[in-house]
Amino acid sequence: RICANTAMTLFIIEHDMHFVGALCDHVVV
């Protein structure tokens, strides 16, 4: 919701791939 309503970019370090898949358009491993 935050990303949909703002111009904020998220940079996430995460091991939970379901979480990453639901949020991220681009992934770097």
PDB file of all heavy atoms in Angstrom:
ATOM      1  N   ARG A   1       0.834  -1.219   0.000  1.00  0.00           N
ATOM      2  CA  ARG A   1       0.000   0.000   0.000  1.00  0.00           C
ATOM      3  C   ARG A   1       0.858   1.255   0.000  1.00  0.00           C
ATOM      4  O   ARG A   1       0.566   2.217  -0.704  1.00  0.00           O
ATOM      5  CB  ARG A   1      -0.938   0.011   1.211  1.00  0.00           C
ATOM      6  CG  ARG A   1      -2.166  -0.850   1.044  1.00  0.00           C
ATOM      7  CD  ARG A   1      -3.256  -0.524   2.065  1.00  0.00           C
ATOM      8  NE  ARG A   1      -2.827  -0.394   3.442  1.00  0.00           N
ATOM      9  CZ  ARG A   1      -2.675  -1.399   4.304  1.00  0.00           C
ATOM     10  NH1 ARG A   1      -2.919  -2.632   3.916  1.00  0.00           N
ATOM     11  NH2 ARG A   1      -2.300  -1.178   5.543  1.00  0.00           N
ATOM     12  N   ILE A   2       1.917   1.242   0.777  1.00  0.00           N
ATOM     13  CA  ILE A   2       2.808   2.402   0.832  1.00  0.00           C
ATOM     14  C   ILE A   2       3.402   2.675  -0.547  1.00  0.00           C
ATOM     15  O   ILE A   2       3.415   3.814  -1.009  1.00  0.00           O
ATOM     16  CB  ILE A   2       3.924   2.182   1.882  1.00  0.00           C
ATOM     17  CG1 ILE A   2       3.332   2.201   3.295  1.00  0.00           C
ATOM     18  CG2 ILE A   2       5.026   3.227   1.742  1.00  0.00           C
ATOM     19  CD1 ILE A   2       4.272   1.681   4.358  1.00  0.00           C
ATOM     20  N   CYS A   3       3.874   1.633  -1.192  1.00  0.00           N
ATOM     21  CA  CYS A   3       4.475   1.805  -2.514  1.00  0.00           C
ATOM     22  C   CYS A   3       3.449   2.251  -3.552  1.00  0.00           C
ATOM     23  O   CYS A   3       3.767   3.039  -4.439  1.00  0.00           O
ATOM     24  CB  CYS A   3       5.143   0.507  -2.973  1.00  0.00           C
ATOM     25  SG  CYS A   3       6.637   0.160  -2.038  1.00  0.00           S
ATOM     26  N   ALA A   4       2.241   1.767  -3.438  1.00  0.00           N
ATOM     27  CA  ALA A   4       1.194   2.147  -4.386  1.00  0.00           C
ATOM     28  C   ALA A   4       0.767   3.599  -4.222  1.00  0.00           C
ATOM     29  O   ALA A   4       0.347   4.238  -5.182  1.00  0.00           O
ATOM     30  CB  ALA A   4      -0.017   1.229  -4.227  1.00  0.00           C
ATOM     31  N   ASN A   5       0.890   4.130  -3.002  1.00  0.00           N
ATOM     32  CA  ASN A   5       0.393   5.482  -2.720  1.00  0.00           C
ATOM     33  C   ASN A   5       1.477   6.543  -2.619  1.00  0.00           C
ATOM     34  O   ASN A   5       1.175   7.701  -2.340  1.00  0.00           O
ATOM     35  CB  ASN A   5      -0.426   5.465  -1.425  1.00  0.00           C
ATOM     36  CG  ASN A   5      -1.651   4.594  -1.559  1.00  0.00           C
ATOM     37  OD1 ASN A   5      -2.279   4.558  -2.609  1.00  0.00           O
ATOM     38  ND2 ASN A   5      -1.984   3.869  -0.517  1.00  0.00           N
ATOM     39  N   THR A   6       2.732   6.159  -2.787  1.00  0.00           N
ATOM     40  CA  THR A   6       3.829   7.125  -2.693  1.00  0.00           C
ATOM     41  C   THR A   6       4.813   6.877  -3.829  1.00  0.00           C
ATOM     42  O   THR A   6       4.700   5.897  -4.556  1.00  0.00           O
ATOM     43  CB  THR A   6       4.598   6.991  -1.355  1.00  0.00           C
ATOM     44  OG1 THR A   6       5.286   5.736  -1.337  1.00  0.00           O
ATOM     45  CG2 THR A   6       3.683   7.098  -0.154  1.00  0.00           C
ATOM     46  N   ALA A   7       5.775   7.759  -3.931  1.00  0.00           N
ATOM     47  CA  ALA A   7       6.835   7.590  -4.929  1.00  0.00           C
ATOM     48  C   ALA A   7       8.073   6.951  -4.295  1.00  0.00           C
ATOM     49  O   ALA A   7       9.160   7.020  -4.839  1.00  0.00           O
ATOM     50  CB  ALA A   7       7.192   8.942  -5.534  1.00  0.00           C
ATOM     51  N   MET A   8       7.877   6.329  -3.148  1.00  0.00           N
ATOM     52  CA  MET A   8       8.983   5.736  -2.411  1.00  0.00           C
ATOM     53  C   MET A   8       9.475   4.458  -3.093  1.00  0.00           C
ATOM     54  O   MET A   8       8.689   3.658  -3.577  1.00  0.00           O
ATOM     55  CB  MET A   8       8.522   5.400  -0.994  1.00  0.00           C
ATOM     56  CG  MET A   8       9.625   4.932  -0.082  1.00  0.00           C
ATOM     57  SD  MET A   8       9.031   4.432   1.555  1.00  0.00           S
ATOM     58  CE  MET A   8       7.720   5.551   1.891  1.00  0.00           C
ATOM     59  N   THR A   9      10.792   4.294  -3.092  1.00  0.00           N
ATOM     60  CA  THR A   9      11.420   3.081  -3.594  1.00  0.00           C
ATOM     61  C   THR A   9      11.852   2.248  -2.396  1.00  0.00           C
ATOM     62  O   THR A   9      12.407   2.772  -1.437  1.00  0.00           O
ATOM     63  CB  THR A   9      12.656   3.423  -4.452  1.00  0.00           C
ATOM     64  OG1 THR A   9      12.229   4.186  -5.573  1.00  0.00           O
ATOM     65  CG2 THR A   9      13.374   2.170  -4.922  1.00  0.00           C
ATOM     66  N   LEU A  10      11.573   0.953  -2.451  1.00  0.00           N
ATOM     67  CA  LEU A  10      12.002   0.035  -1.385  1.00  0.00           C
ATOM     68  C   LEU A  10      13.274  -0.679  -1.812  1.00  0.00           C
ATOM     69  O   LEU A  10      13.383  -1.134  -2.950  1.00  0.00           O
ATOM     70  CB  LEU A  10      10.942  -1.025  -1.116  1.00  0.00           C
ATOM     71  CG  LEU A  10       9.649  -0.605  -0.475  1.00  0.00           C
ATOM     72  CD1 LEU A  10       8.736  -1.810  -0.316  1.00  0.00           C
ATOM     73  CD2 LEU A  10       9.889   0.053   0.863  1.00  0.00           C
ATOM     74  N   PHE A  11      14.196  -0.799  -0.896  1.00  0.00           N
ATOM     75  CA  PHE A  11      15.402  -1.596  -1.072  1.00  0.00           C
ATOM     76  C   PHE A  11      15.368  -2.582   0.083  1.00  0.00           C
ATOM     77  O   PHE A  11      15.510  -2.191   1.245  1.00  0.00           O
ATOM     78  CB  PHE A  11      16.643  -0.701  -0.995  1.00  0.00           C
ATOM     79  CG  PHE A  11      17.930  -1.431  -1.250  1.00  0.00           C
ATOM     80  CD1 PHE A  11      18.532  -1.366  -2.492  1.00  0.00           C
ATOM     81  CD2 PHE A  11      18.539  -2.177  -0.248  1.00  0.00           C
ATOM     82  CE1 PHE A  11      19.729  -2.027  -2.728  1.00  0.00           C
ATOM     83  CE2 PHE A  11      19.719  -2.845  -0.479  1.00  0.00           C
ATOM     84  CZ  PHE A  11      20.330  -2.773  -1.722  1.00  0.00           C
ATOM     85  N   ILE A  12      15.117  -3.851  -0.238  1.00  0.00           N
ATOM     86  CA  ILE A  12      14.893  -4.854   0.805  1.00  0.00           C
ATOM     87  C   ILE A  12      15.965  -5.932   0.752  1.00  0.00           C
ATOM     88  O   ILE A  12      16.243  -6.480  -0.314  1.00  0.00           O
ATOM     89  CB  ILE A  12      13.503  -5.513   0.640  1.00  0.00           C
ATOM     90  CG1 ILE A  12      12.397  -4.468   0.723  1.00  0.00           C
ATOM     91  CG2 ILE A  12      13.298  -6.601   1.676  1.00  0.00           C
ATOM     92  CD1 ILE A  12      11.020  -5.017   0.438  1.00  0.00           C
ATOM     93  N   ILE A  13      16.534  -6.220   1.895  1.00  0.00           N
ATOM     94  CA  ILE A  13      17.408  -7.381   2.057  1.00  0.00           C
ATOM     95  C   ILE A  13      16.560  -8.403   2.799  1.00  0.00           C
ATOM     96  O   ILE A  13      16.107  -8.148   3.914  1.00  0.00           O
ATOM     97  CB  ILE A  13      18.669  -7.023   2.863  1.00  0.00           C
ATOM     98  CG1 ILE A  13      19.462  -5.960   2.129  1.00  0.00           C
ATOM     99  CG2 ILE A  13      19.504  -8.276   3.139  1.00  0.00           C
ATOM    100  CD1 ILE A  13      20.541  -5.313   2.952  1.00  0.00           C
ATOM    101  N   GLU A  14      16.306  -9.534   2.167  1.00  0.00           N
ATOM    102  CA  GLU A  14      15.368 -10.501   2.759  1.00  0.00           C
ATOM    103  C   GLU A  14      15.653 -11.896   2.237  1.00  0.00           C
ATOM    104  O   GLU A  14      16.023 -12.074   1.073  1.00  0.00           O
ATOM    105  CB  GLU A  14      13.934 -10.081   2.409  1.00  0.00           C
ATOM    106  CG  GLU A  14      12.854 -10.951   2.981  1.00  0.00           C
ATOM    107  CD  GLU A  14      12.860 -10.991   4.500  1.00  0.00           C
ATOM    108  OE1 GLU A  14      12.633  -9.942   5.132  1.00  0.00           O
ATOM    109  OE2 GLU A  14      13.093 -12.087   5.051  1.00  0.00           O
ATOM    110  N   HIS A  15      15.452 -12.892   3.100  1.00  0.00           N
ATOM    111  CA  HIS A  15      15.611 -14.291   2.714  1.00  0.00           C
ATOM    112  C   HIS A  15      14.276 -14.963   2.409  1.00  0.00           C
ATOM    113  O   HIS A  15      14.251 -16.035   1.825  1.00  0.00           O
ATOM    114  CB  HIS A  15      16.331 -15.067   3.827  1.00  0.00           C
ATOM    115  CG  HIS A  15      17.752 -14.660   3.983  1.00  0.00           C
ATOM    116  ND1 HIS A  15      18.146 -13.679   4.858  1.00  0.00           N
ATOM    117  CD2 HIS A  15      18.869 -15.076   3.351  1.00  0.00           C
ATOM    118  CE1 HIS A  15      19.450 -13.523   4.767  1.00  0.00           C
ATOM    119  NE2 HIS A  15      19.919 -14.358   3.859  1.00  0.00           N
ATOM    120  N   ASP A  16      13.182 -14.360   2.814  1.00  0.00           N
ATOM    121  CA  ASP A  16      11.851 -14.925   2.591  1.00  0.00           C
ATOM    122  C   ASP A  16      11.416 -14.605   1.154  1.00  0.00           C
ATOM    123  O   ASP A  16      10.995 -13.499   0.848  1.00  0.00           O
ATOM    124  CB  ASP A  16      10.867 -14.326   3.598  1.00  0.00           C
ATOM    125  CG  ASP A  16       9.448 -14.861   3.471  1.00  0.00           C
ATOM    126  OD1 ASP A  16       9.089 -15.405   2.397  1.00  0.00           O
ATOM    127  OD2 ASP A  16       8.687 -14.714   4.433  1.00  0.00           O
ATOM    128  N   MET A  17      11.525 -15.594   0.279  1.00  0.00           N
ATOM    129  CA  MET A  17      11.265 -15.356  -1.140  1.00  0.00           C
ATOM    130  C   MET A  17       9.787 -15.114  -1.440  1.00  0.00           C
ATOM    131  O   MET A  17       9.459 -14.438  -2.409  1.00  0.00           O
ATOM    132  CB  MET A  17      11.792 -16.522  -1.994  1.00  0.00           C
ATOM    133  CG  MET A  17      13.312 -16.544  -2.075  1.00  0.00           C
ATOM    134  SD  MET A  17      14.008 -15.044  -2.803  1.00  0.00           S
ATOM    135  CE  MET A  17      14.606 -14.168  -1.371  1.00  0.00           C
ATOM    136  N   HIS A  18       8.878 -15.622  -0.615  1.00  0.00           N
ATOM    137  CA  HIS A  18       7.462 -15.306  -0.808  1.00  0.00           C
ATOM    138  C   HIS A  18       7.242 -13.811  -0.555  1.00  0.00           C
ATOM    139  O   HIS A  18       6.532 -13.146  -1.293  1.00  0.00           O
ATOM    140  CB  HIS A  18       6.574 -16.143   0.115  1.00  0.00           C
ATOM    141  CG  HIS A  18       6.615 -17.602  -0.188  1.00  0.00           C
ATOM    142  ND1 HIS A  18       6.076 -18.127  -1.340  1.00  0.00           N
ATOM    143  CD2 HIS A  18       7.146 -18.643   0.495  1.00  0.00           C
ATOM    144  CE1 HIS A  18       6.268 -19.433  -1.353  1.00  0.00           C
ATOM    145  NE2 HIS A  18       6.918 -19.770  -0.244  1.00  0.00           N
ATOM    146  N   PHE A  19       7.864 -13.300   0.478  1.00  0.00           N
ATOM    147  CA  PHE A  19       7.783 -11.883   0.829  1.00  0.00           C
ATOM    148  C   PHE A  19       8.378 -11.043  -0.303  1.00  0.00           C
ATOM    149  O   PHE A  19       7.771 -10.081  -0.767  1.00  0.00           O
ATOM    150  CB  PHE A  19       8.532 -11.652   2.143  1.00  0.00           C
ATOM    151  CG  PHE A  19       8.357 -10.288   2.737  1.00  0.00           C
ATOM    152  CD1 PHE A  19       7.270 -10.003   3.541  1.00  0.00           C
ATOM    153  CD2 PHE A  19       9.297  -9.292   2.511  1.00  0.00           C
ATOM    154  CE1 PHE A  19       7.110  -8.748   4.111  1.00  0.00           C
ATOM    155  CE2 PHE A  19       9.156  -8.039   3.074  1.00  0.00           C
ATOM    156  CZ  PHE A  19       8.059  -7.759   3.876  1.00  0.00           C
ATOM    157  N   VAL A  20       9.556 -11.427  -0.765  1.00  0.00           N
ATOM    158  CA  VAL A  20      10.229 -10.717  -1.856  1.00  0.00           C
ATOM    159  C   VAL A  20       9.380 -10.763  -3.122  1.00  0.00           C
ATOM    160  O   VAL A  20       9.183  -9.744  -3.787  1.00  0.00           O
ATOM    161  CB  VAL A  20      11.628 -11.321  -2.123  1.00  0.00           C
ATOM    162  CG1 VAL A  20      12.235 -10.768  -3.406  1.00  0.00           C
ATOM    163  CG2 VAL A  20      12.551 -11.062  -0.939  1.00  0.00           C
ATOM    164  N   GLY A  21       8.858 -11.931  -3.439  1.00  0.00           N
ATOM    165  CA  GLY A  21       8.068 -12.081  -4.653  1.00  0.00           C
ATOM    166  C   GLY A  21       6.802 -11.244  -4.661  1.00  0.00           C
ATOM    167  O   GLY A  21       6.364 -10.764  -5.711  1.00  0.00           O
ATOM    168  N   ALA A  22       6.216 -11.044  -3.491  1.00  0.00           N
ATOM    169  CA  ALA A  22       4.988 -10.253  -3.397  1.00  0.00           C
ATOM    170  C   ALA A  22       5.259  -8.761  -3.543  1.00  0.00           C
ATOM    171  O   ALA A  22       4.363  -8.010  -3.912  1.00  0.00           O
ATOM    172  CB  ALA A  22       4.299 -10.531  -2.064  1.00  0.00           C
ATOM    173  N   LEU A  23       6.481  -8.326  -3.269  1.00  0.00           N
ATOM    174  CA  LEU A  23       6.780  -6.890  -3.258  1.00  0.00           C
ATOM    175  C   LEU A  23       7.694  -6.397  -4.362  1.00  0.00           C
ATOM    176  O   LEU A  23       7.571  -5.263  -4.808  1.00  0.00           O
ATOM    177  CB  LEU A  23       7.452  -6.513  -1.922  1.00  0.00           C
ATOM    178  CG  LEU A  23       6.567  -6.445  -0.716  1.00  0.00           C
ATOM    179  CD1 LEU A  23       7.408  -6.294   0.541  1.00  0.00           C
ATOM    180  CD2 LEU A  23       5.603  -5.290  -0.838  1.00  0.00           C
ATOM    181  N   CYS A  24       8.627  -7.215  -4.768  1.00  0.00           N
ATOM    182  CA  CYS A  24       9.731  -6.712  -5.593  1.00  0.00           C
ATOM    183  C   CYS A  24       9.582  -7.038  -7.074  1.00  0.00           C
ATOM    184  O   CYS A  24       9.286  -8.168  -7.442  1.00  0.00           O
ATOM    185  CB  CYS A  24      11.042  -7.292  -5.074  1.00  0.00           C
ATOM    186  SG  CYS A  24      11.344  -6.869  -3.347  1.00  0.00           S
ATOM    187  N   ASP A  25       9.848  -6.023  -7.870  1.00  0.00           N
ATOM    188  CA  ASP A  25       9.855  -6.192  -9.322  1.00  0.00           C
ATOM    189  C   ASP A  25      11.220  -6.664  -9.805  1.00  0.00           C
ATOM    190  O   ASP A  25      11.323  -7.282 -10.857  1.00  0.00           O
ATOM    191  CB  ASP A  25       9.555  -4.854 -10.018  1.00  0.00           C
ATOM    192  CG  ASP A  25       8.214  -4.282  -9.619  1.00  0.00           C
ATOM    193  OD1 ASP A  25       7.272  -5.068  -9.453  1.00  0.00           O
ATOM    194  OD2 ASP A  25       8.121  -3.053  -9.478  1.00  0.00           O
ATOM    195  N   HIS A  26      12.230  -6.340  -9.048  1.00  0.00           N
ATOM    196  CA  HIS A  26      13.604  -6.621  -9.454  1.00  0.00           C
ATOM    197  C   HIS A  26      14.348  -7.231  -8.268  1.00  0.00           C
ATOM    198  O   HIS A  26      14.260  -6.723  -7.155  1.00  0.00           O
ATOM    199  CB  HIS A  26      14.282  -5.317  -9.897  1.00  0.00           C
ATOM    200  CG  HIS A  26      15.574  -5.527 -10.594  1.00  0.00           C
ATOM    201  ND1 HIS A  26      15.647  -5.843 -11.931  1.00  0.00           N
ATOM    202  CD2 HIS A  26      16.844  -5.485 -10.136  1.00  0.00           C
ATOM    203  CE1 HIS A  26      16.919  -5.974 -12.275  1.00  0.00           C
ATOM    204  NE2 HIS A  26      17.661  -5.763 -11.200  1.00  0.00           N
ATOM    205  N   VAL A  27      15.081  -8.305  -8.515  1.00  0.00           N
ATOM    206  CA  VAL A  27      15.787  -9.027  -7.457  1.00  0.00           C
ATOM    207  C   VAL A  27      17.251  -9.165  -7.849  1.00  0.00           C
ATOM    208  O   VAL A  27      17.569  -9.445  -9.007  1.00  0.00           O
ATOM    209  CB  VAL A  27      15.167 -10.438  -7.246  1.00  0.00           C
ATOM    210  CG1 VAL A  27      15.922 -11.219  -6.180  1.00  0.00           C
ATOM    211  CG2 VAL A  27      13.695 -10.335  -6.907  1.00  0.00           C
ATOM    212  N   VAL A  28      18.127  -8.967  -6.874  1.00  0.00           N
ATOM    213  CA  VAL A  28      19.553  -9.209  -7.048  1.00  0.00           C
ATOM    214  C   VAL A  28      19.943 -10.233  -5.992  1.00  0.00           C
ATOM    215  O   VAL A  28      19.602 -10.085  -4.818  1.00  0.00           O
ATOM    216  CB  VAL A  28      20.382  -7.914  -6.864  1.00  0.00           C
ATOM    217  CG1 VAL A  28      21.877  -8.213  -6.923  1.00  0.00           C
ATOM    218  CG2 VAL A  28      19.995  -6.879  -7.907  1.00  0.00           C
ATOM    219  N   VAL A  29      20.646 -11.282  -6.412  1.00  0.00           N
ATOM    220  CA  VAL A  29      21.077 -12.334  -5.491  1.00  0.00           C
ATOM    221  C   VAL A  29      22.581 -12.219  -5.300  1.00  0.00           C
ATOM    222  O   VAL A  29      23.335 -12.143  -6.280  1.00  0.00           O
ATOM    223  CB  VAL A  29      20.719 -13.741  -6.023  1.00  0.00           C
ATOM    224  CG1 VAL A  29      21.194 -14.815  -5.059  1.00  0.00           C
ATOM    225  CG2 VAL A  29      19.230 -13.855  -6.270  1.00  0.00           C
TER     226      VAL A  29
END
